[in-house]
Amino acid sequence: MAIITLTTDWGIKDHYLASVKGSLLKHIENIQIIDITHDVLPFDIYQASFIFKNSYKNFPDGTIHIIGVNSDASIESPHIAIKHENQYFIGADNGVFSLIFGMQDLEIAEIDIFQESDNFTFSTKDVFVKAAQIIDKDKSLAKLGPKRDSINRMMSFEPVVEMDDENIAIIGKVIYVDRYENAITNISEDLFYSYAKNKRFDITFNSYTEELTTISKSYLDVPPSEMCAIFDSNGLLEISINQGNAGSLLGLKLDSRIRINIEK
């Protein structure tokens, strides 16, 4: 049974999602369709890449992933398909794949297949479904179009490390706020411990005066309504409130600055 996932910014109010699912079921036999999310902010490839790259590795070999976010094709951003680690990925080359895969080696094909519709506003249904059908049948990118050597690169903000005679500072930012308003940052566990080790540190943000000076293992390490810092299942620093909403209560939102001061 083929597994096909959908990651889009369509929501569930309109006809877009049902149209694509119906088309998939009509053109590909014996499939299972998995919704990763349809709540990406419109055209926001940064949010799409964060949600998707923290999901796809859990799927089995042969899974076909369709990313329908900002998916119109242009000369600069053609439709492409990628094979990587025995999974397949279909979308527009608008930078989202560079945010997902970084500098990893990829097998890439530019999608050049006949589109039955003269309408070019719904490429996920009119192009990506057909591409998924070909991949499901051939287990290859060969019939989709010519090979490409690279993808369009989109720069993602990386944490900055600053040093003086007394302190080391890791400066990052909030890159995602989840449904529980946990504020997830771009500061990785590996980066933190490469400098912190057994040293004293504090985590500060906004103008909040109460410093975080420990890393918790779970939310329940602190009482309800108390703030904590943890490394989530993807190894990223997260600022949370046990049974509370860190985003709104602490004023944390996308791009909020997070600073970790570490004593030398």
Protein backbone atom coordinates (compact mmCIF):
# COMPACT_ATOMS: atom_id res chain seq x y z
CA MET A 1 0.00 0.00 0.00
CA ALA A 2 1.40 3.38 -1.01
CA ILE A 3 1.56 6.06 1.66
CA ILE A 4 1.14 9.66 0.52
CA THR A 5 1.40 12.60 2.91
CA LEU A 6 0.05 16.11 2.46
CA THR A 7 1.51 19.28 3.96
CA THR A 8 -0.36 22.42 2.92
CA ASP A 9 -1.55 25.88 3.90
CA TRP A 10 -5.13 25.26 2.72
CA GLY A 11 -6.93 24.74 6.03
CA ILE A 12 -10.02 22.53 5.92
CA LYS A 13 -12.77 25.08 5.16
CA ASP A 14 -12.45 25.10 1.38
CA HIS A 15 -12.60 22.50 -1.38
CA TYR A 16 -8.84 22.26 -2.02
CA LEU A 17 -8.03 19.42 0.34
CA ALA A 18 -11.00 17.26 -0.68
CA SER A 19 -10.21 17.83 -4.36
CA VAL A 20 -6.64 16.62 -4.00
CA LYS A 21 -7.57 13.63 -1.86
CA GLY A 22 -10.27 12.65 -4.34
CA SER A 23 -7.84 12.95 -7.24
CA LEU A 24 -5.25 10.82 -5.44
CA LEU A 25 -7.81 8.12 -4.72
CA LYS A 26 -9.01 8.20 -8.33
CA HIS A 27 -5.56 7.91 -9.90
CA ILE A 28 -3.64 5.68 -7.47
CA GLU A 29 -4.99 2.36 -6.27
CA ASN A 30 -4.60 1.08 -2.74
CA ILE A 31 -3.18 4.15 -1.02
CA GLN A 32 -3.23 5.61 2.45
CA ILE A 33 -3.32 9.40 2.67
CA ILE A 34 -1.79 10.97 5.78
CA ASP A 35 -2.35 14.63 6.69
CA ILE A 36 0.79 16.09 8.22
CA THR A 37 -0.79 19.54 8.50
CA HIS A 38 -3.04 21.91 6.60
CA ASP A 39 -2.62 24.77 9.07
CA VAL A 40 0.61 26.28 7.78
CA LEU A 41 0.31 30.05 7.59
CA PRO A 42 -0.40 31.00 3.95
CA PHE A 43 2.79 30.89 1.84
CA ASP A 44 5.00 30.43 4.92
CA ILE A 45 7.68 27.98 3.78
CA TYR A 46 9.65 28.45 7.00
CA GLN A 47 6.78 27.15 9.10
CA ALA A 48 6.06 24.41 6.57
CA SER A 49 9.68 23.26 6.61
CA PHE A 50 9.82 23.16 10.41
CA ILE A 51 6.70 21.03 10.76
CA PHE A 52 7.59 18.78 7.86
CA LYS A 53 11.23 18.08 8.67
CA ASN A 54 10.23 17.06 12.19
CA SER A 55 7.72 14.58 10.75
CA TYR A 56 8.94 12.88 7.58
CA LYS A 57 11.71 10.74 9.07
CA ASN A 58 9.08 8.76 10.98
CA PHE A 59 7.51 7.45 7.77
CA PRO A 60 8.49 4.15 6.13
CA ASP A 61 10.58 3.72 2.99
CA GLY A 62 8.72 4.49 -0.21
CA THR A 63 6.48 7.17 1.29
CA ILE A 64 5.59 9.96 -1.14
CA HIS A 65 5.35 13.43 0.39
CA ILE A 66 3.49 16.29 -1.30
CA ILE A 67 4.16 19.83 -0.08
CA GLY A 68 1.46 22.21 -1.27
CA VAL A 69 2.71 25.51 0.15
CA ASN A 70 3.48 28.39 -2.22
CA SER A 71 3.49 25.76 -4.96
CA ASP A 72 2.97 27.75 -8.16
CA ALA A 73 5.75 27.10 -10.66
CA SER A 74 7.95 29.71 -12.30
CA ILE A 75 11.22 29.73 -14.22
CA GLU A 76 13.03 30.49 -10.96
CA SER A 77 10.99 28.00 -8.88
CA PRO A 78 10.02 25.00 -11.03
CA HIS A 79 8.19 21.96 -9.75
CA ILE A 80 10.61 19.28 -8.64
CA ALA A 81 10.66 15.81 -7.16
CA ILE A 82 13.36 14.53 -4.81
CA LYS A 83 14.40 11.08 -3.69
CA HIS A 84 16.20 10.99 -0.37
CA GLU A 85 16.73 8.18 2.12
CA ASN A 86 14.28 5.98 0.19
CA GLN A 87 11.46 8.51 0.41
CA TYR A 88 10.04 10.82 -2.28
CA PHE A 89 9.22 14.52 -2.06
CA ILE A 90 7.17 16.65 -4.47
CA GLY A 91 6.80 20.42 -4.41
CA ALA A 92 7.96 23.72 -5.83
CA ASP A 93 11.64 24.61 -5.70
CA ASN A 94 10.89 27.75 -3.71
CA GLY A 95 13.49 27.22 -1.00
CA VAL A 96 11.43 24.93 1.22
CA PHE A 97 13.52 21.87 0.40
CA SER A 98 16.76 23.62 1.31
CA LEU A 99 15.23 24.47 4.70
CA ILE A 100 14.28 20.81 5.13
CA PHE A 101 17.43 19.09 3.86
CA GLY A 102 20.16 21.69 4.23
CA MET A 103 23.24 20.79 2.22
CA GLN A 104 22.56 17.04 1.99
CA ASP A 105 23.08 15.25 -1.32
CA LEU A 106 19.77 14.71 -3.10
CA GLU A 107 18.51 13.00 -6.23
CA ILE A 108 16.44 15.68 -7.99
CA ALA A 109 14.26 15.80 -11.10
CA GLU A 110 12.45 18.78 -12.57
CA ILE A 111 8.83 17.78 -13.16
CA ASP A 112 7.99 18.04 -16.86
CA ILE A 113 4.82 16.05 -17.40
CA PHE A 114 1.68 16.70 -19.40
CA GLN A 115 -0.98 18.61 -17.48
CA GLU A 116 -4.49 17.69 -18.53
CA SER A 117 -5.98 20.94 -17.22
CA ASP A 118 -5.40 24.37 -18.75
CA ASN A 119 -5.71 25.85 -15.27
CA PHE A 120 -2.34 26.59 -13.66
CA THR A 121 -3.56 27.79 -10.27
CA PHE A 122 -3.91 24.41 -8.55
CA SER A 123 -0.66 22.60 -9.27
CA THR A 124 -0.96 20.29 -6.27
CA LYS A 125 -3.96 18.62 -7.89
CA ASP A 126 -3.05 19.05 -11.55
CA VAL A 127 0.68 18.26 -11.42
CA PHE A 128 1.70 16.77 -8.08
CA VAL A 129 -0.97 14.05 -8.08
CA LYS A 130 0.20 12.87 -11.50
CA ALA A 131 3.83 12.97 -10.36
CA ALA A 132 2.91 10.87 -7.33
CA GLN A 133 1.13 8.40 -9.61
CA ILE A 134 4.27 7.99 -11.75
CA ILE A 135 6.52 7.59 -8.70
CA ASP A 136 4.17 5.02 -7.17
CA LYS A 137 4.23 2.99 -10.38
CA ASP A 138 7.93 3.23 -11.28
CA LYS A 139 9.59 3.81 -7.89
CA SER A 140 11.83 6.25 -9.74
CA LEU A 141 12.13 9.89 -10.77
CA ALA A 142 13.29 9.01 -14.29
CA LYS A 143 9.96 9.60 -16.07
CA LEU A 144 9.19 12.89 -14.37
CA GLY A 145 11.67 15.06 -16.25
CA PRO A 146 15.33 16.04 -16.51
CA LYS A 147 17.76 15.67 -13.66
CA ARG A 148 18.81 18.71 -11.67
CA ASP A 149 22.05 19.14 -9.78
CA SER A 150 20.83 21.48 -7.07
CA ILE A 151 17.88 23.16 -5.40
CA ASN A 152 17.22 26.81 -4.65
CA ARG A 153 18.79 27.79 -1.36
CA MET A 154 17.00 29.73 1.34
CA MET A 155 19.03 30.95 4.29
CA SER A 156 17.81 30.07 7.76
CA PHE A 157 18.96 32.07 10.77
CA GLU A 158 21.53 30.22 12.84
CA PRO A 159 22.36 30.98 16.47
CA VAL A 160 25.29 33.30 17.11
CA VAL A 161 27.96 32.64 19.74
CA GLU A 162 29.65 35.65 21.33
CA MET A 163 32.53 35.57 23.83
CA ASP A 164 34.26 38.01 26.14
CA ASP A 165 36.61 37.62 29.09
CA GLU A 166 33.89 36.55 31.50
CA ASN A 167 30.98 35.07 29.57
CA ILE A 168 29.89 33.10 26.55
CA ALA A 169 26.58 34.10 25.00
CA ILE A 170 24.47 31.96 22.67
CA ILE A 171 21.95 34.17 20.91
CA GLY A 172 19.08 32.55 19.03
CA LYS A 173 15.44 33.12 18.34
CA VAL A 174 12.00 31.52 18.50
CA ILE A 175 11.31 29.70 15.25
CA TYR A 176 7.98 28.05 16.08
CA VAL A 177 5.15 28.38 18.60
CA ASP A 178 3.05 25.25 18.87
CA ARG A 179 -0.61 24.79 19.78
CA TYR A 180 0.25 24.78 23.50
CA GLU A 181 2.20 28.01 22.98
CA ASN A 182 5.50 26.35 23.76
CA ALA A 183 8.17 28.56 22.19
CA ILE A 184 10.65 26.43 20.26
CA THR A 185 14.00 28.01 19.45
CA ASN A 186 16.76 27.34 16.96
CA ILE A 187 19.28 26.61 19.74
CA SER A 188 20.18 22.93 19.66
CA GLU A 189 21.05 20.71 22.57
CA ASP A 190 24.42 19.92 20.99
CA LEU A 191 25.30 23.60 20.64
CA PHE A 192 24.22 24.38 24.21
CA TYR A 193 26.18 21.58 25.85
CA SER A 194 29.26 22.19 23.72
CA TYR A 195 29.64 25.44 25.68
CA ALA A 196 27.63 24.99 28.88
CA LYS A 197 28.78 21.55 30.06
CA ASN A 198 28.75 21.89 33.87
CA LYS A 199 28.95 25.67 33.93
CA ARG A 200 26.43 28.08 35.37
CA PHE A 201 24.12 29.73 32.88
CA ASP A 202 20.96 31.77 32.60
CA ILE A 203 18.40 32.08 29.81
CA THR A 204 16.85 35.49 29.18
CA PHE A 205 14.36 36.89 26.68
CA ASN A 206 12.35 40.05 26.11
CA SER A 207 12.39 42.18 29.26
CA TYR A 208 11.38 39.27 31.48
CA THR A 209 13.27 39.61 34.77
CA GLU A 210 13.09 36.05 36.09
CA GLU A 211 16.00 34.07 34.66
CA LEU A 212 15.95 30.40 33.80
CA THR A 213 19.02 28.71 35.25
CA THR A 214 18.26 24.99 34.81
CA ILE A 215 17.26 22.64 32.03
CA SER A 216 14.29 20.45 32.91
CA LYS A 217 13.78 16.92 31.64
CA SER A 218 10.01 17.30 31.41
CA TYR A 219 7.28 19.89 31.99
CA LEU A 220 6.38 18.18 35.26
CA ASP A 221 9.77 19.02 36.74
CA VAL A 222 8.24 22.37 37.71
CA PRO A 223 4.90 23.09 39.41
CA PRO A 224 1.87 24.04 37.31
CA SER A 225 2.07 27.60 35.95
CA GLU A 226 5.84 27.68 36.41
CA MET A 227 8.22 28.43 33.56
CA CYS A 228 10.77 25.88 32.38
CA ALA A 229 13.36 25.29 29.68
CA ILE A 230 13.64 21.86 28.10
CA PHE A 231 15.12 20.27 25.01
CA ASP A 232 12.29 18.82 22.97
CA SER A 233 12.19 15.50 21.14
CA ASN A 234 13.99 17.10 18.20
CA GLY A 235 16.81 18.42 20.36
CA LEU A 236 15.79 22.10 20.27
CA LEU A 237 15.55 24.42 23.26
CA GLU A 238 11.95 25.12 24.22
CA ILE A 239 10.62 27.72 26.64
CA SER A 240 7.40 26.49 28.23
CA ILE A 241 5.01 26.90 31.12
CA ASN A 242 3.74 23.74 32.78
CA GLN A 243 0.03 23.60 31.91
CA GLY A 244 0.24 27.19 30.70
CA ASN A 245 0.81 29.26 27.58
CA ALA A 246 4.38 30.52 27.37
CA GLY A 247 3.80 32.34 24.10
CA SER A 248 1.16 34.77 25.32
CA LEU A 249 2.12 34.90 29.01
CA LEU A 250 5.82 35.51 28.37
CA GLY A 251 5.43 37.54 25.21
CA LEU A 252 7.25 34.98 23.10
CA LYS A 253 6.46 34.90 19.39
CA LEU A 254 8.20 34.14 16.12
CA ASP A 255 11.64 35.79 15.98
CA SER A 256 11.68 36.67 19.70
CA ARG A 257 15.33 36.87 20.78
CA ILE A 258 16.61 34.25 23.20
CA ARG A 259 19.95 34.72 24.97
CA ILE A 260 21.87 32.15 27.00
CA ASN A 261 24.68 33.59 29.15
CA ILE A 262 27.26 31.03 30.22
CA GLU A 263 30.01 31.71 32.74
CA LYS A 264 33.49 30.89 31.51
